[in-house]
Amino acid sequence: MIVIAAALFGAVWGGMLARKRKGNKADIAQYAVVYALAYGLLGFIVTIIIEKAIT
């Protein structure tokens, strides 16, 4: 669940950042995908750390 939330947050954040920098639609899509991947990976790592701490 953390991974999905982090990926969605990253996509929104990346899209807003590209729009703020006056990017066209392709730029906005690329930023959204890259930020979603990066934040999704970070969420995955956090999930693993939490899982290891619980058990």
N, C-alpha and C. Protein backbone atom coordinates (compact mmCIF):
# COMPACT_ATOMS: atom_id res chain seq x y z
N MET A 1 0.82 -1.19 0.00
CA MET A 1 0.00 0.00 0.00
C MET A 1 0.87 1.26 0.00
N ILE A 2 1.97 1.20 0.72
CA ILE A 2 2.86 2.35 0.77
C ILE A 2 3.46 2.61 -0.62
N VAL A 3 3.75 1.55 -1.34
CA VAL A 3 4.35 1.69 -2.67
C VAL A 3 3.40 2.41 -3.62
N ILE A 4 2.14 2.02 -3.59
CA ILE A 4 1.15 2.63 -4.48
C ILE A 4 0.95 4.10 -4.13
N ALA A 5 0.84 4.39 -2.84
CA ALA A 5 0.66 5.78 -2.41
C ALA A 5 1.87 6.63 -2.78
N ALA A 6 3.06 6.09 -2.58
CA ALA A 6 4.27 6.83 -2.91
C ALA A 6 4.37 7.07 -4.42
N ALA A 7 4.03 6.07 -5.22
CA ALA A 7 4.08 6.21 -6.68
C ALA A 7 3.08 7.26 -7.16
N LEU A 8 1.88 7.25 -6.61
CA LEU A 8 0.89 8.25 -6.99
C LEU A 8 1.34 9.65 -6.59
N PHE A 9 1.88 9.77 -5.38
CA PHE A 9 2.39 11.06 -4.92
C PHE A 9 3.51 11.54 -5.84
N GLY A 10 4.41 10.64 -6.21
CA GLY A 10 5.51 11.00 -7.09
C GLY A 10 5.03 11.44 -8.46
N ALA A 11 4.03 10.77 -8.99
CA ALA A 11 3.50 11.14 -10.30
C ALA A 11 2.88 12.53 -10.27
N VAL A 12 2.13 12.80 -9.23
CA VAL A 12 1.51 14.12 -9.10
C VAL A 12 2.58 15.19 -8.91
N TRP A 13 3.55 14.91 -8.05
CA TRP A 13 4.62 15.87 -7.78
C TRP A 13 5.41 16.15 -9.07
N GLY A 14 5.78 15.12 -9.81
CA GLY A 14 6.52 15.30 -11.04
C GLY A 14 5.74 16.07 -12.09
N GLY A 15 4.47 15.76 -12.22
CA GLY A 15 3.64 16.49 -13.18
C GLY A 15 3.51 17.95 -12.83
N MET A 16 3.34 18.24 -11.56
CA MET A 16 3.24 19.64 -11.13
C MET A 16 4.57 20.38 -11.34
N LEU A 17 5.66 19.70 -11.09
CA LEU A 17 6.98 20.31 -11.27
C LEU A 17 7.23 20.64 -12.74
N ALA A 18 6.89 19.71 -13.62
CA ALA A 18 7.08 19.95 -15.06
C ALA A 18 6.18 21.08 -15.55
N ARG A 19 4.96 21.13 -15.04
CA ARG A 19 4.05 22.21 -15.44
C ARG A 19 4.57 23.55 -14.95
N LYS A 20 5.12 23.58 -13.73
CA LYS A 20 5.68 24.81 -13.18
C LYS A 20 6.86 25.30 -14.02
N ARG A 21 7.62 24.36 -14.59
CA ARG A 21 8.77 24.71 -15.43
C ARG A 21 8.38 24.94 -16.88
N LYS A 22 7.08 25.09 -17.14
CA LYS A 22 6.55 25.39 -18.47
C LYS A 22 6.83 24.29 -19.49
N GLY A 23 6.72 23.03 -19.08
CA GLY A 23 6.94 21.91 -19.99
C GLY A 23 5.71 21.63 -20.84
N ASN A 24 5.94 21.01 -21.99
CA ASN A 24 4.80 20.61 -22.82
C ASN A 24 4.24 19.28 -22.29
N LYS A 25 3.27 18.71 -22.98
CA LYS A 25 2.61 17.50 -22.48
C LYS A 25 3.56 16.32 -22.36
N ALA A 26 4.50 16.20 -23.28
CA ALA A 26 5.47 15.10 -23.23
C ALA A 26 6.40 15.27 -22.02
N ASP A 27 6.81 16.49 -21.74
CA ASP A 27 7.65 16.75 -20.57
C ASP A 27 6.91 16.40 -19.28
N ILE A 28 5.66 16.80 -19.21
CA ILE A 28 4.86 16.53 -18.01
C ILE A 28 4.71 15.03 -17.81
N ALA A 29 4.44 14.30 -18.89
CA ALA A 29 4.29 12.85 -18.79
C ALA A 29 5.60 12.19 -18.37
N GLN A 30 6.70 12.64 -18.93
CA GLN A 30 8.00 12.05 -18.59
C GLN A 30 8.35 12.31 -17.13
N TYR A 31 8.17 13.53 -16.66
CA TYR A 31 8.44 13.84 -15.26
C TYR A 31 7.55 13.00 -14.35
N ALA A 32 6.27 12.86 -14.71
CA ALA A 32 5.35 12.09 -13.88
C ALA A 32 5.79 10.64 -13.78
N VAL A 33 6.20 10.04 -14.89
CA VAL A 33 6.62 8.63 -14.88
C VAL A 33 7.91 8.45 -14.09
N VAL A 34 8.87 9.32 -14.31
CA VAL A 34 10.16 9.18 -13.62
C VAL A 34 9.99 9.38 -12.12
N TYR A 35 9.25 10.39 -11.72
CA TYR A 35 9.03 10.62 -10.30
C TYR A 35 8.21 9.50 -9.67
N ALA A 36 7.24 8.95 -10.41
CA ALA A 36 6.47 7.82 -9.90
C ALA A 36 7.36 6.61 -9.66
N LEU A 37 8.27 6.34 -10.59
CA LEU A 37 9.20 5.23 -10.41
C LEU A 37 10.12 5.45 -9.23
N ALA A 38 10.66 6.65 -9.12
CA ALA A 38 11.59 6.94 -8.03
C ALA A 38 10.89 6.85 -6.67
N TYR A 39 9.74 7.46 -6.53
CA TYR A 39 9.03 7.42 -5.27
C TYR A 39 8.47 6.03 -4.98
N GLY A 40 8.09 5.30 -6.02
CA GLY A 40 7.63 3.93 -5.83
C GLY A 40 8.75 3.05 -5.30
N LEU A 41 9.95 3.21 -5.84
CA LEU A 41 11.11 2.47 -5.35
C LEU A 41 11.42 2.84 -3.90
N LEU A 42 11.34 4.11 -3.59
CA LEU A 42 11.56 4.56 -2.22
C LEU A 42 10.50 3.96 -1.28
N GLY A 43 9.24 3.93 -1.72
CA GLY A 43 8.18 3.32 -0.93
C GLY A 43 8.39 1.84 -0.73
N PHE A 44 8.93 1.17 -1.74
CA PHE A 44 9.23 -0.26 -1.64
C PHE A 44 10.30 -0.51 -0.59
N ILE A 45 11.33 0.31 -0.59
CA ILE A 45 12.41 0.19 0.40
C ILE A 45 11.88 0.44 1.80
N VAL A 46 11.04 1.46 1.95
CA VAL A 46 10.45 1.75 3.26
C VAL A 46 9.58 0.59 3.73
N THR A 47 8.83 -0.01 2.81
CA THR A 47 7.99 -1.16 3.16
C THR A 47 8.84 -2.33 3.65
N ILE A 48 9.96 -2.58 2.99
CA ILE A 48 10.84 -3.67 3.41
C ILE A 48 11.42 -3.38 4.80
N ILE A 49 11.84 -2.14 5.04
CA ILE A 49 12.38 -1.77 6.34
C ILE A 49 11.34 -1.95 7.44
N ILE A 50 10.13 -1.52 7.19
CA ILE A 50 9.06 -1.67 8.17
C ILE A 50 8.76 -3.15 8.42
N GLU A 51 8.72 -3.93 7.36
CA GLU A 51 8.44 -5.36 7.50
C GLU A 51 9.53 -6.06 8.32
N LYS A 52 10.78 -5.70 8.08
CA LYS A 52 11.89 -6.29 8.86
C LYS A 52 11.85 -5.85 10.31
N ALA A 53 11.41 -4.63 10.57
CA ALA A 53 11.36 -4.13 11.94
C ALA A 53 10.24 -4.80 12.74
N ILE A 54 9.17 -5.17 12.06
CA ILE A 54 8.04 -5.81 12.74
C ILE A 54 8.36 -7.24 13.14
N THR A 55 9.02 -7.96 12.26
CA THR A 55 9.29 -9.38 12.55
C THR A 55 10.63 -9.60 13.21
